[in-house]
C-alpha atoms as a PDB file:
ATOM      1  CA  MET A   1       7.584 -10.949  43.215  1.00  0.00           C
ATOM      2  CA  ARG A   2       3.920 -11.163  42.243  1.00  0.00           C
ATOM      3  CA  ALA A   3       4.433 -14.797  41.282  1.00  0.00           C
ATOM      4  CA  ALA A   4       6.083 -15.542  44.606  1.00  0.00           C
ATOM      5  CA  ALA A   5       3.145 -14.082  46.521  1.00  0.00           C
ATOM      6  CA  HIS A   6       0.507 -15.949  44.519  1.00  0.00           C
ATOM      7  CA  ARG A   7      -1.595 -18.434  46.451  1.00  0.00           C
ATOM      8  CA  ASP A   8      -3.808 -21.110  44.880  1.00  0.00           C
ATOM      9  CA  ARG A   9      -7.447 -21.547  45.848  1.00  0.00           C
ATOM     10  CA  VAL A  10      -8.095 -23.436  49.071  1.00  0.00           C
ATOM     11  CA  THR A  11     -10.873 -26.053  49.174  1.00  0.00           C
ATOM     12  CA  THR A  12     -12.835 -26.454  52.403  1.00  0.00           C
ATOM     13  CA  ILE A  13     -15.416 -29.205  52.942  1.00  0.00           C
ATOM     14  CA  THR A  14     -18.076 -28.674  55.625  1.00  0.00           C
ATOM     15  CA  THR A  15     -21.003 -30.758  56.811  1.00  0.00           C
ATOM     16  CA  SER A  16     -24.350 -29.680  58.256  1.00  0.00           C
ATOM     17  CA  ALA A  17     -27.674 -31.108  59.404  1.00  0.00           C
ATOM     18  CA  THR A  18     -29.647 -28.918  56.971  1.00  0.00           C
ATOM     19  CA  PRO A  19     -29.274 -27.730  53.347  1.00  0.00           C
ATOM     20  CA  PRO A  20     -27.592 -26.327  51.320  1.00  0.00           C
ATOM     21  CA  GLY A  21     -25.206 -29.052  50.305  1.00  0.00           C
ATOM     22  CA  ARG A  22     -25.018 -32.489  48.759  1.00  0.00           C
ATOM     23  CA  LEU A  23     -27.127 -35.077  50.559  1.00  0.00           C
ATOM     24  CA  SER A  24     -25.343 -38.158  51.846  1.00  0.00           C
ATOM     25  CA  MET A  25     -27.730 -41.128  52.039  1.00  0.00           C
ATOM     26  CA  ARG A  26     -25.651 -42.737  54.757  1.00  0.00           C
ATOM     27  CA  GLY A  27     -25.879 -39.557  56.832  1.00  0.00           C
ATOM     28  CA  ALA A  28     -29.615 -39.239  56.191  1.00  0.00           C
ATOM     29  CA  LEU A  29     -30.252 -42.836  57.288  1.00  0.00           C
ATOM     30  CA  ALA A  30     -28.163 -42.275  60.404  1.00  0.00           C
ATOM     31  CA  ALA A  31     -30.233 -39.195  61.270  1.00  0.00           C
ATOM     32  CA  ASP A  32     -33.493 -41.122  60.724  1.00  0.00           C
ATOM     33  CA  ALA A  33     -32.249 -43.922  62.972  1.00  0.00           C
ATOM     34  CA  GLN A  34     -31.399 -41.449  65.715  1.00  0.00           C
ATOM     35  CA  ARG A  35     -34.856 -39.896  65.536  1.00  0.00           C
ATOM     36  CA  ALA A  36     -36.495 -43.339  65.644  1.00  0.00           C
ATOM     37  CA  ALA A  37     -34.496 -44.125  68.762  1.00  0.00           C
ATOM     38  CA  GLY A  38     -35.815 -40.966  70.401  1.00  0.00           C
ATOM     39  CA  VAL A  39     -32.537 -39.112  70.577  1.00  0.00           C
ATOM     40  CA  THR A  40     -31.532 -35.753  69.118  1.00  0.00           C
ATOM     41  CA  PRO A  41     -29.952 -36.328  65.693  1.00  0.00           C
ATOM     42  CA  THR A  42     -26.240 -35.561  65.547  1.00  0.00           C
ATOM     43  CA  ALA A  43     -25.646 -36.811  62.009  1.00  0.00           C
ATOM     44  CA  GLU A  44     -24.887 -34.118  59.407  1.00  0.00           C
ATOM     45  CA  PRO A  45     -25.952 -35.574  56.049  1.00  0.00           C
ATOM     46  CA  PHE A  46     -25.339 -32.463  53.927  1.00  0.00           C
ATOM     47  CA  THR A  47     -21.848 -31.816  52.551  1.00  0.00           C
ATOM     48  CA  ARG A  48     -20.795 -28.495  51.043  1.00  0.00           C
ATOM     49  CA  THR A  49     -17.551 -27.670  49.223  1.00  0.00           C
ATOM     50  CA  VAL A  50     -16.320 -24.081  49.314  1.00  0.00           C
ATOM     51  CA  ARG A  51     -13.399 -22.844  47.219  1.00  0.00           C
ATOM     52  CA  ARG A  52     -11.823 -19.489  47.942  1.00  0.00           C
ATOM     53  CA  HIS A  53      -8.657 -17.606  47.159  1.00  0.00           C
ATOM     54  CA  VAL A  54      -6.330 -16.960  50.084  1.00  0.00           C
ATOM     55  CA  PRO A  55      -5.275 -13.299  50.076  1.00  0.00           C
ATOM     56  CA  ALA A  56      -1.672 -12.927  48.922  1.00  0.00           C
ATOM     57  CA  PRO A  57       0.512 -12.126  51.938  1.00  0.00           C
ATOM     58  CA  PRO A  58       2.742  -9.048  51.897  1.00  0.00           C
ATOM     59  CA  LEU A  59       6.352  -9.631  50.967  1.00  0.00           C
ATOM     60  CA  ARG A  60       9.407  -8.888  53.098  1.00  0.00           C
ATOM     61  CA  ASN A  61      12.671  -9.333  51.253  1.00  0.00           C
ATOM     62  CA  GLY A  62      16.185  -8.779  52.566  1.00  0.00           C
ATOM     63  CA  ILE A  63      19.490  -8.981  50.707  1.00  0.00           C
ATOM     64  CA  ALA A  64      22.865  -9.387  52.423  1.00  0.00           C
ATOM     65  CA  CYS A  65      25.855  -8.960  50.137  1.00  0.00           C
ATOM     66  CA  ASP A  66      29.386  -9.988  51.089  1.00  0.00           C
ATOM     67  CA  VAL A  67      31.878  -7.219  50.211  1.00  0.00           C
ATOM     68  CA  SER A  68      35.093  -9.008  51.054  1.00  0.00           C
ATOM     69  CA  GLY A  69      37.728  -9.044  48.332  1.00  0.00           C
ATOM     70  CA  SER A  70      36.726 -12.413  46.900  1.00  0.00           C
ATOM     71  CA  MET A  71      33.298 -11.005  45.936  1.00  0.00           C
ATOM     72  CA  ASN A  72      34.625  -8.053  43.938  1.00  0.00           C
ATOM     73  CA  ALA A  73      33.299  -9.280  40.575  1.00  0.00           C
ATOM     74  CA  PHE A  74      29.730  -9.326  41.922  1.00  0.00           C
ATOM     75  CA  ALA A  75      29.636  -5.862  43.536  1.00  0.00           C
ATOM     76  CA  ALA A  76      28.048  -3.976  40.619  1.00  0.00           C
ATOM     77  CA  PRO A  77      25.468  -6.604  39.555  1.00  0.00           C
ATOM     78  CA  VAL A  78      24.331  -7.191  43.150  1.00  0.00           C
ATOM     79  CA  ALA A  79      23.882  -3.444  43.647  1.00  0.00           C
ATOM     80  CA  SER A  80      21.695  -3.427  40.511  1.00  0.00           C
ATOM     81  CA  ALA A  81      19.689  -6.407  41.742  1.00  0.00           C
ATOM     82  CA  ALA A  82      19.079  -4.797  45.139  1.00  0.00           C
ATOM     83  CA  TRP A  83      17.846  -1.626  43.435  1.00  0.00           C
ATOM     84  CA  ILE A  84      15.589  -3.583  41.072  1.00  0.00           C
ATOM     85  CA  ILE A  85      14.014  -5.513  43.957  1.00  0.00           C
ATOM     86  CA  ALA A  86      13.495  -2.319  45.967  1.00  0.00           C
ATOM     87  CA  ARG A  87      11.669  -0.765  42.998  1.00  0.00           C
ATOM     88  CA  ALA A  88       9.601  -3.916  42.451  1.00  0.00           C
ATOM     89  CA  ALA A  89       8.559  -3.944  46.109  1.00  0.00           C
ATOM     90  CA  GLY A  90       7.317  -0.383  45.727  1.00  0.00           C
ATOM     91  CA  HIS A  91       4.724  -1.556  43.192  1.00  0.00           C
ATOM     92  CA  LEU A  92       3.233  -4.288  45.400  1.00  0.00           C
ATOM     93  CA  PRO A  93       0.849  -3.600  48.299  1.00  0.00           C
ATOM     94  CA  ASP A  94       2.595  -3.820  51.679  1.00  0.00           C
ATOM     95  CA  ALA A  95       5.804  -5.272  50.179  1.00  0.00           C
ATOM     96  CA  VAL A  96       9.051  -4.053  51.709  1.00  0.00           C
ATOM     97  CA  SER A  97      12.642  -4.679  50.738  1.00  0.00           C
ATOM     98  CA  ALA A  98      16.004  -3.803  52.232  1.00  0.00           C
ATOM     99  CA  ALA A  99      19.604  -4.604  51.402  1.00  0.00           C
ATOM    100  CA  VAL A 100      22.864  -4.377  53.326  1.00  0.00           C
ATOM    101  CA  ILE A 101      26.483  -4.986  52.489  1.00  0.00           C
ATOM    102  CA  PHE A 102      28.650  -6.704  55.040  1.00  0.00           C
ATOM    103  CA  GLY A 103      32.404  -6.704  55.373  1.00  0.00           C
ATOM    104  CA  ALA A 104      34.423  -5.236  58.201  1.00  0.00           C
ATOM    105  CA  ARG A 105      31.151  -3.504  59.109  1.00  0.00           C
ATOM    106  CA  VAL A 106      27.523  -3.570  57.961  1.00  0.00           C
ATOM    107  CA  ARG A 107      26.138  -0.734  55.840  1.00  0.00           C
ATOM    108  CA  ALA A 108      22.650  -0.120  54.460  1.00  0.00           C
ATOM    109  CA  LEU A 109      22.328  -0.326  50.693  1.00  0.00           C
ATOM    110  CA  THR A 110      18.561   0.135  50.308  1.00  0.00           C
ATOM    111  CA  ARG A 111      16.201   0.843  53.208  1.00  0.00           C
ATOM    112  CA  PRO A 112      12.668  -0.489  53.848  1.00  0.00           C
ATOM    113  CA  GLY A 113      10.038   1.612  52.126  1.00  0.00           C
ATOM    114  CA  GLN A 114      12.594   3.676  50.222  1.00  0.00           C
ATOM    115  CA  THR A 115      13.683   3.327  46.621  1.00  0.00           C
ATOM    116  CA  PRO A 116      17.005   4.992  45.811  1.00  0.00           C
ATOM    117  CA  ALA A 117      16.922   7.241  42.776  1.00  0.00           C
ATOM    118  CA  GLN A 118      20.061   5.634  41.406  1.00  0.00           C
ATOM    119  CA  VAL A 119      21.749   2.266  41.682  1.00  0.00           C
ATOM    120  CA  PRO A 120      23.949   2.378  44.793  1.00  0.00           C
ATOM    121  CA  VAL A 121      27.669   1.932  44.179  1.00  0.00           C
ATOM    122  CA  PHE A 122      30.036   0.024  46.453  1.00  0.00           C
ATOM    123  CA  ALA A 123      33.325  -1.840  46.278  1.00  0.00           C
ATOM    124  CA  ALA A 124      34.065  -5.340  47.540  1.00  0.00           C
ATOM    125  CA  ASN A 125      37.513  -5.263  49.085  1.00  0.00           C
ATOM    126  CA  ASP A 126      37.025  -5.655  52.851  1.00  0.00           C
ATOM    127  CA  PRO A 127      39.318  -8.033  54.772  1.00  0.00           C
ATOM    128  CA  CYS A 128      36.540  -9.783  56.746  1.00  0.00           C
ATOM    129  CA  GLU A 129      32.797 -10.475  56.789  1.00  0.00           C
ATOM    130  CA  ASP A 130      30.421  -9.527  59.632  1.00  0.00           C
ATOM    131  CA  PHE A 131      27.665 -11.852  58.438  1.00  0.00           C
ATOM    132  CA  THR A 132      25.950 -12.215  61.806  1.00  0.00           C
ATOM    133  CA  THR A 133      25.318  -8.487  62.227  1.00  0.00           C
ATOM    134  CA  ALA A 134      24.037  -8.297  58.637  1.00  0.00           C
ATOM    135  CA  VAL A 135      21.376 -10.942  59.296  1.00  0.00           C
ATOM    136  CA  ASP A 136      20.416  -9.328  62.597  1.00  0.00           C
ATOM    137  CA  ALA A 137      20.061  -5.931  60.901  1.00  0.00           C
ATOM    138  CA  LEU A 138      17.761  -7.267  58.180  1.00  0.00           C
ATOM    139  CA  ASP A 139      15.715  -9.268  60.687  1.00  0.00           C
ATOM    140  CA  ALA A 140      15.220  -6.160  62.812  1.00  0.00           C
ATOM    141  CA  ALA A 141      14.314  -3.977  59.830  1.00  0.00           C
ATOM    142  CA  LEU A 142      12.000  -6.444  58.086  1.00  0.00           C
ATOM    143  CA  GLU A 143      10.837  -8.730  60.928  1.00  0.00           C
ATOM    144  CA  LEU A 144      11.932 -11.805  59.009  1.00  0.00           C
ATOM    145  CA  THR A 145      11.192 -14.087  61.974  1.00  0.00           C
ATOM    146  CA  ARG A 146       7.637 -12.790  62.440  1.00  0.00           C
ATOM    147  CA  PRO A 147       4.867 -14.759  60.674  1.00  0.00           C
ATOM    148  CA  GLY A 148       2.173 -13.073  58.627  1.00  0.00           C
ATOM    149  CA  ALA A 149       4.069 -12.420  55.408  1.00  0.00           C
ATOM    150  CA  ALA A 150       6.068 -14.159  52.712  1.00  0.00           C
ATOM    151  CA  ARG A 151       9.652 -13.630  53.899  1.00  0.00           C
ATOM    152  CA  LEU A 152      12.921 -14.132  52.062  1.00  0.00           C
ATOM    153  CA  LEU A 153      16.559 -13.556  52.945  1.00  0.00           C
ATOM    154  CA  VAL A 154      18.973 -13.505  50.003  1.00  0.00           C
ATOM    155  CA  VAL A 155      22.656 -13.993  50.821  1.00  0.00           C
ATOM    156  CA  VAL A 156      25.258 -13.275  48.151  1.00  0.00           C
ATOM    157  CA  SER A 157      28.542 -14.698  49.412  1.00  0.00           C
ATOM    158  CA  ASP A 158      31.230 -17.336  49.039  1.00  0.00           C
ATOM    159  CA  GLY A 159      30.663 -18.214  52.712  1.00  0.00           C
ATOM    160  CA  LYS A 160      34.332 -17.991  53.652  1.00  0.00           C
ATOM    161  CA  PHE A 161      33.670 -16.422  57.035  1.00  0.00           C
ATOM    162  CA  LYS A 162      36.093 -15.915  59.887  1.00  0.00           C
ATOM    163  CA  ASP A 163      35.142 -17.119  63.382  1.00  0.00           C
ATOM    164  CA  PRO A 164      32.720 -16.768  65.083  1.00  0.00           C
ATOM    165  CA  HIS A 165      30.452 -16.041  62.102  1.00  0.00           C
ATOM    166  CA  PRO A 166      30.155 -19.594  60.709  1.00  0.00           C
ATOM    167  CA  THR A 167      28.659 -20.810  64.009  1.00  0.00           C
ATOM    168  CA  LEU A 168      26.682 -17.690  64.880  1.00  0.00           C
ATOM    169  CA  GLY A 169      25.521 -17.301  61.301  1.00  0.00           C
ATOM    170  CA  GLN A 170      24.195 -20.858  61.246  1.00  0.00           C
ATOM    171  CA  GLN A 171      22.270 -20.152  64.430  1.00  0.00           C
ATOM    172  CA  ARG A 172      20.667 -17.124  62.762  1.00  0.00           C
ATOM    173  CA  LEU A 173      19.675 -19.100  59.666  1.00  0.00           C
ATOM    174  CA  ASP A 174      18.261 -21.918  61.807  1.00  0.00           C
ATOM    175  CA  ARG A 175      16.069 -19.392  63.601  1.00  0.00           C
ATOM    176  CA  LEU A 176      14.875 -17.846  60.338  1.00  0.00           C
ATOM    177  CA  THR A 177      13.990 -21.123  58.636  1.00  0.00           C
ATOM    178  CA  ALA A 178      12.260 -22.409  61.779  1.00  0.00           C
ATOM    179  CA  ALA A 179      10.091 -19.272  61.674  1.00  0.00           C
ATOM    180  CA  GLY A 180       9.137 -19.905  58.036  1.00  0.00           C
ATOM    181  CA  CYS A 181      11.508 -17.470  56.340  1.00  0.00           C
ATOM    182  CA  ALA A 182      13.014 -18.767  53.086  1.00  0.00           C
ATOM    183  CA  VAL A 183      16.774 -18.359  52.664  1.00  0.00           C
ATOM    184  CA  LEU A 184      18.362 -18.122  49.225  1.00  0.00           C
ATOM    185  CA  TRP A 185      22.156 -18.366  48.998  1.00  0.00           C
ATOM    186  CA  LEU A 186      23.810 -17.137  45.803  1.00  0.00           C
ATOM    187  CA  ALA A 187      27.386 -18.369  45.585  1.00  0.00           C
ATOM    188  CA  PRO A 188      30.073 -17.211  43.118  1.00  0.00           C
ATOM    189  CA  ASP A 189      31.332 -20.722  42.364  1.00  0.00           C
ATOM    190  CA  ARG A 190      30.975 -24.379  43.344  1.00  0.00           C
ATOM    191  CA  HIS A 191      33.724 -24.056  45.960  1.00  0.00           C
ATOM    192  CA  ALA A 192      31.658 -21.738  48.150  1.00  0.00           C
ATOM    193  CA  THR A 193      30.662 -22.664  51.683  1.00  0.00           C
ATOM    194  CA  VAL A 194      26.870 -22.546  52.038  1.00  0.00           C
ATOM    195  CA  LEU A 195      25.262 -22.683  55.480  1.00  0.00           C
ATOM    196  CA  ASN A 196      22.631 -25.330  56.160  1.00  0.00           C
ATOM    197  CA  GLY A 197      18.989 -24.585  55.445  1.00  0.00           C
ATOM    198  CA  ALA A 198      19.572 -22.273  52.487  1.00  0.00           C
ATOM    199  CA  HIS A 199      18.429 -22.852  48.923  1.00  0.00           C
ATOM    200  CA  HIS A 200      21.743 -22.840  47.028  1.00  0.00           C
ATOM    201  CA  VAL A 201      22.248 -21.332  43.586  1.00  0.00           C
ATOM    202  CA  THR A 202      25.645 -20.844  41.912  1.00  0.00           C
ATOM    203  CA  LEU A 203      26.138 -17.626  39.977  1.00  0.00           C
ATOM    204  CA  THR A 204      27.869 -18.583  36.765  1.00  0.00           C
ATOM    205  CA  ASP A 205      27.850 -15.095  35.232  1.00  0.00           C
ATOM    206  CA  PRO A 206      28.037 -11.819  37.220  1.00  0.00           C
ATOM    207  CA  ALA A 207      26.161 -10.032  34.422  1.00  0.00           C
ATOM    208  CA  ARG A 208      23.115 -12.254  35.005  1.00  0.00           C
ATOM    209  CA  THR A 209      23.037 -11.857  38.797  1.00  0.00           C
ATOM    210  CA  ALA A 210      19.843  -9.766  38.813  1.00  0.00           C
ATOM    211  CA  ASP A 211      17.962 -12.294  36.664  1.00  0.00           C
ATOM    212  CA  THR A 212      19.213 -15.162  38.823  1.00  0.00           C
ATOM    213  CA  ILE A 213      18.104 -13.469  42.042  1.00  0.00           C
ATOM    214  CA  GLY A 214      14.616 -12.875  40.643  1.00  0.00           C
ATOM    215  CA  ALA A 215      14.063 -16.423  39.399  1.00  0.00           C
ATOM    216  CA  ALA A 216      15.646 -18.149  42.393  1.00  0.00           C
ATOM    217  CA  ALA A 217      13.848 -15.902  44.897  1.00  0.00           C
ATOM    218  CA  THR A 218      10.475 -16.837  43.438  1.00  0.00           C
ATOM    219  CA  GLN A 219      11.311 -20.550  43.688  1.00  0.00           C
ATOM    220  CA  ALA A 220      12.620 -20.244  47.243  1.00  0.00           C
ATOM    221  CA  LEU A 221       9.478 -18.439  48.405  1.00  0.00           C
ATOM    222  CA  ARG A 222       7.215 -21.015  46.782  1.00  0.00           C
ATOM    223  CA  ASN A 223       9.089 -23.796  48.604  1.00  0.00           C
ATOM    224  CA  ALA A 224       9.094 -22.074  51.997  1.00  0.00           C
END
């Protein structure tokens, strides 16, 4: 998470009519010519380069985990990953994390600003997937569409949604990405349906889900 929030130094070049700065002979000659012509010099012959670090923005990270029956193998490792991320957020200034599970209904797994004492336990055996409400809940809790922070939505799902969630879900992801929020989609296999705009990663081993979320989340945030 620290790596994802890192920002390189920004270089700014400014010009001025007086020192300090590097003198440009062309600019100096232009200023002399303007004075000789009896007009106020507008040329700025001095150039100065300033390099500064941009403060790292706070992090807002949401996880939405599909708990329909097809995701059963990933229930335990995703719960561990959500807990790990919530704990990591607690060690970074202003970072917040939240996770929900979505099936027939949406339920909170970890809440913003709170780190559960133990890894939450849930089963994945619901008959449907309320993906749209899950995204809305995380957006409301973490303000994923509001600029001013590094924002990431992680979706763990095979994307086999019943209507109207494929259409409404795509609308939600379009709004998030347009607002600058990165979307990471972790799929259980290559046959998953992944909505447009998401960075797609296939989970090849449920036991490595937490590691995959960490590495892929960092990459998705850097590319946002």
